[in-house]
Amino acid sequence: MTMNFLEKIKKEGYIRYRGAVDSSVYEYFNCDCSWKATWYIKKGHYQCCGCKERCETSDPDGFQLFLDLG
């Protein structure tokens, strides 16, 4: 049985990113289907699973920052 891409990155420790993503991120990737975007994050690395392009970046620009209150 083959593992799909989403299952693979979840096994690698990626979790669903639920913050806001600025339109500049989609402009940078020249994304035609930002409405399908589903982002995951692991240690500051962002991975999109919205389409077959599977865009990824380590640049936090355009991603909502969260304060670590722990």
N, C-alpha and C. Protein backbone atom coordinates (compact mmCIF):
# COMPACT_ATOMS: atom_id res chain seq x y z
N MET A 1 0.85 -1.20 0.00
CA MET A 1 0.00 0.00 0.00
C MET A 1 0.89 1.24 0.00
N THR A 2 0.62 2.16 -0.90
CA THR A 2 1.42 3.37 -0.96
C THR A 2 0.84 4.44 -0.03
N MET A 3 1.72 5.22 0.56
CA MET A 3 1.32 6.27 1.47
C MET A 3 1.16 7.56 0.67
N ASN A 4 0.04 8.26 0.86
CA ASN A 4 -0.09 9.50 0.13
C ASN A 4 0.77 10.59 0.78
N PHE A 5 0.95 11.69 0.08
CA PHE A 5 1.86 12.74 0.52
C PHE A 5 1.48 13.30 1.89
N LEU A 6 0.20 13.55 2.11
CA LEU A 6 -0.25 14.11 3.38
C LEU A 6 0.05 13.16 4.54
N GLU A 7 -0.21 11.89 4.37
CA GLU A 7 0.11 10.91 5.40
C GLU A 7 1.62 10.90 5.67
N LYS A 8 2.40 11.02 4.62
CA LYS A 8 3.86 11.00 4.74
C LYS A 8 4.36 12.17 5.59
N ILE A 9 3.90 13.40 5.28
CA ILE A 9 4.41 14.54 6.05
C ILE A 9 3.89 14.53 7.49
N LYS A 10 2.70 14.01 7.70
CA LYS A 10 2.20 13.90 9.08
C LYS A 10 3.08 12.94 9.88
N LYS A 11 3.49 11.85 9.25
CA LYS A 11 4.38 10.89 9.93
C LYS A 11 5.74 11.52 10.23
N GLU A 12 6.12 12.51 9.40
CA GLU A 12 7.39 13.20 9.60
C GLU A 12 7.28 14.28 10.68
N GLY A 13 6.09 14.49 11.22
CA GLY A 13 5.92 15.44 12.32
C GLY A 13 5.28 16.76 11.96
N TYR A 14 4.84 16.92 10.73
CA TYR A 14 4.15 18.15 10.34
C TYR A 14 2.76 18.19 10.96
N ILE A 15 2.35 19.39 11.37
CA ILE A 15 1.01 19.57 11.91
C ILE A 15 0.29 20.65 11.10
N ARG A 16 -1.02 20.64 11.13
CA ARG A 16 -1.81 21.59 10.36
C ARG A 16 -1.53 23.01 10.84
N TYR A 17 -1.23 23.90 9.93
CA TYR A 17 -1.02 25.31 10.24
C TYR A 17 -2.37 26.00 10.14
N ARG A 18 -2.80 26.62 11.22
CA ARG A 18 -4.13 27.21 11.27
C ARG A 18 -4.12 28.73 11.32
N GLY A 19 -2.96 29.33 11.12
CA GLY A 19 -2.87 30.79 11.13
C GLY A 19 -3.22 31.38 9.77
N ALA A 20 -3.25 32.69 9.74
CA ALA A 20 -3.54 33.40 8.49
C ALA A 20 -2.33 33.38 7.56
N VAL A 21 -2.60 33.25 6.29
CA VAL A 21 -1.54 33.29 5.26
C VAL A 21 -1.85 34.47 4.35
N ASP A 22 -0.90 35.38 4.24
CA ASP A 22 -1.08 36.58 3.45
C ASP A 22 -1.09 36.27 1.95
N SER A 23 -1.78 37.09 1.18
CA SER A 23 -1.85 36.88 -0.27
C SER A 23 -0.47 36.96 -0.93
N SER A 24 0.48 37.64 -0.29
CA SER A 24 1.84 37.73 -0.86
C SER A 24 2.51 36.36 -1.00
N VAL A 25 2.16 35.44 -0.12
CA VAL A 25 2.71 34.07 -0.19
C VAL A 25 2.26 33.42 -1.50
N TYR A 26 0.99 33.56 -1.81
CA TYR A 26 0.45 32.95 -3.02
C TYR A 26 0.97 33.65 -4.27
N GLU A 27 1.19 34.95 -4.17
CA GLU A 27 1.77 35.69 -5.29
C GLU A 27 3.20 35.22 -5.54
N TYR A 28 3.95 35.00 -4.47
CA TYR A 28 5.33 34.52 -4.61
C TYR A 28 5.39 33.19 -5.35
N PHE A 29 4.47 32.30 -5.02
CA PHE A 29 4.45 30.97 -5.65
C PHE A 29 3.67 30.98 -6.97
N ASN A 30 3.14 32.15 -7.35
CA ASN A 30 2.34 32.26 -8.56
C ASN A 30 1.21 31.22 -8.55
N CYS A 31 0.54 31.16 -7.41
CA CYS A 31 -0.48 30.14 -7.14
C CYS A 31 -1.81 30.51 -7.80
N ASP A 32 -2.34 29.57 -8.57
CA ASP A 32 -3.63 29.77 -9.23
C ASP A 32 -4.79 29.20 -8.43
N CYS A 33 -4.49 28.48 -7.37
CA CYS A 33 -5.58 27.85 -6.61
C CYS A 33 -5.38 28.03 -5.10
N SER A 34 -5.16 29.28 -4.68
CA SER A 34 -4.95 29.56 -3.26
C SER A 34 -6.15 29.16 -2.41
N TRP A 35 -7.30 29.12 -3.02
CA TRP A 35 -8.52 28.72 -2.30
C TRP A 35 -8.46 27.25 -1.87
N LYS A 36 -7.57 26.48 -2.46
CA LYS A 36 -7.41 25.06 -2.10
C LYS A 36 -6.27 24.84 -1.09
N ALA A 37 -5.55 25.90 -0.76
CA ALA A 37 -4.35 25.76 0.07
C ALA A 37 -4.65 25.15 1.44
N THR A 38 -3.82 24.20 1.81
CA THR A 38 -3.84 23.58 3.13
C THR A 38 -2.39 23.50 3.58
N TRP A 39 -2.02 24.34 4.55
CA TRP A 39 -0.63 24.42 4.97
C TRP A 39 -0.36 23.57 6.20
N TYR A 40 0.84 23.01 6.25
CA TYR A 40 1.33 22.25 7.39
C TYR A 40 2.67 22.85 7.79
N ILE A 41 3.03 22.70 9.06
CA ILE A 41 4.28 23.29 9.56
C ILE A 41 5.03 22.30 10.44
N LYS A 42 6.35 22.39 10.35
CA LYS A 42 7.23 21.60 11.22
C LYS A 42 8.51 22.40 11.40
N LYS A 43 8.79 22.80 12.63
CA LYS A 43 10.02 23.53 12.96
C LYS A 43 10.30 24.68 11.99
N GLY A 44 9.30 25.52 11.74
CA GLY A 44 9.49 26.69 10.90
C GLY A 44 9.52 26.42 9.41
N HIS A 45 9.18 25.21 9.02
CA HIS A 45 9.14 24.87 7.60
C HIS A 45 7.67 24.68 7.21
N TYR A 46 7.23 25.42 6.21
CA TYR A 46 5.84 25.40 5.77
C TYR A 46 5.69 24.57 4.51
N GLN A 47 4.68 23.72 4.49
CA GLN A 47 4.43 22.83 3.35
C GLN A 47 2.96 22.93 2.98
N CYS A 48 2.67 23.22 1.73
CA CYS A 48 1.28 23.29 1.27
C CYS A 48 0.90 21.97 0.61
N CYS A 49 -0.31 21.53 0.91
CA CYS A 49 -0.82 20.28 0.31
C CYS A 49 -2.10 20.55 -0.47
N GLY A 50 -2.27 21.78 -0.96
CA GLY A 50 -3.50 22.15 -1.63
C GLY A 50 -3.63 21.65 -3.05
N CYS A 51 -2.51 21.45 -3.72
CA CYS A 51 -2.55 20.97 -5.11
C CYS A 51 -1.30 20.16 -5.39
N LYS A 52 -1.15 19.74 -6.63
CA LYS A 52 -0.02 18.88 -6.99
C LYS A 52 1.32 19.58 -6.93
N GLU A 53 1.35 20.92 -6.87
CA GLU A 53 2.62 21.66 -6.82
C GLU A 53 3.34 21.46 -5.48
N ARG A 54 2.60 21.29 -4.39
CA ARG A 54 3.16 21.06 -3.05
C ARG A 54 4.24 22.08 -2.69
N CYS A 55 3.88 23.36 -2.78
CA CYS A 55 4.82 24.44 -2.48
C CYS A 55 5.33 24.35 -1.05
N GLU A 56 6.57 24.77 -0.85
CA GLU A 56 7.15 24.74 0.48
C GLU A 56 8.12 25.89 0.65
N THR A 57 8.25 26.34 1.90
CA THR A 57 9.15 27.44 2.22
C THR A 57 9.53 27.41 3.69
N SER A 58 10.67 28.01 3.99
CA SER A 58 11.09 28.21 5.38
C SER A 58 11.01 29.70 5.74
N ASP A 59 10.57 30.51 4.79
CA ASP A 59 10.45 31.96 4.99
C ASP A 59 9.13 32.26 5.71
N PRO A 60 9.19 32.81 6.92
CA PRO A 60 7.97 33.07 7.68
C PRO A 60 7.19 34.30 7.19
N ASP A 61 7.75 35.08 6.25
CA ASP A 61 7.04 36.26 5.75
C ASP A 61 5.70 35.86 5.15
N GLY A 62 4.66 36.50 5.63
CA GLY A 62 3.32 36.23 5.12
C GLY A 62 2.54 35.22 5.95
N PHE A 63 3.20 34.59 6.90
CA PHE A 63 2.53 33.64 7.78
C PHE A 63 2.32 34.28 9.15
N GLN A 64 1.13 34.18 9.68
CA GLN A 64 0.81 34.75 10.98
C GLN A 64 1.71 34.15 12.05
N LEU A 65 2.30 35.01 12.86
CA LEU A 65 3.17 34.54 13.94
C LEU A 65 2.36 34.32 15.20
N PHE A 66 2.76 33.35 15.99
CA PHE A 66 2.10 33.05 17.26
C PHE A 66 3.10 33.22 18.40
N LEU A 67 2.63 33.74 19.49
CA LEU A 67 3.50 33.86 20.67
C LEU A 67 3.52 32.55 21.42
N ASP A 68 4.68 32.13 21.82
CA ASP A 68 4.81 30.91 22.61
C ASP A 68 4.64 31.29 24.07
N LEU A 69 3.49 30.97 24.62
CA LEU A 69 3.18 31.38 26.00
C LEU A 69 3.52 30.27 26.99
N GLY A 70 4.20 29.24 26.52
CA GLY A 70 4.50 28.09 27.37
C GLY A 70 5.72 28.23 28.19
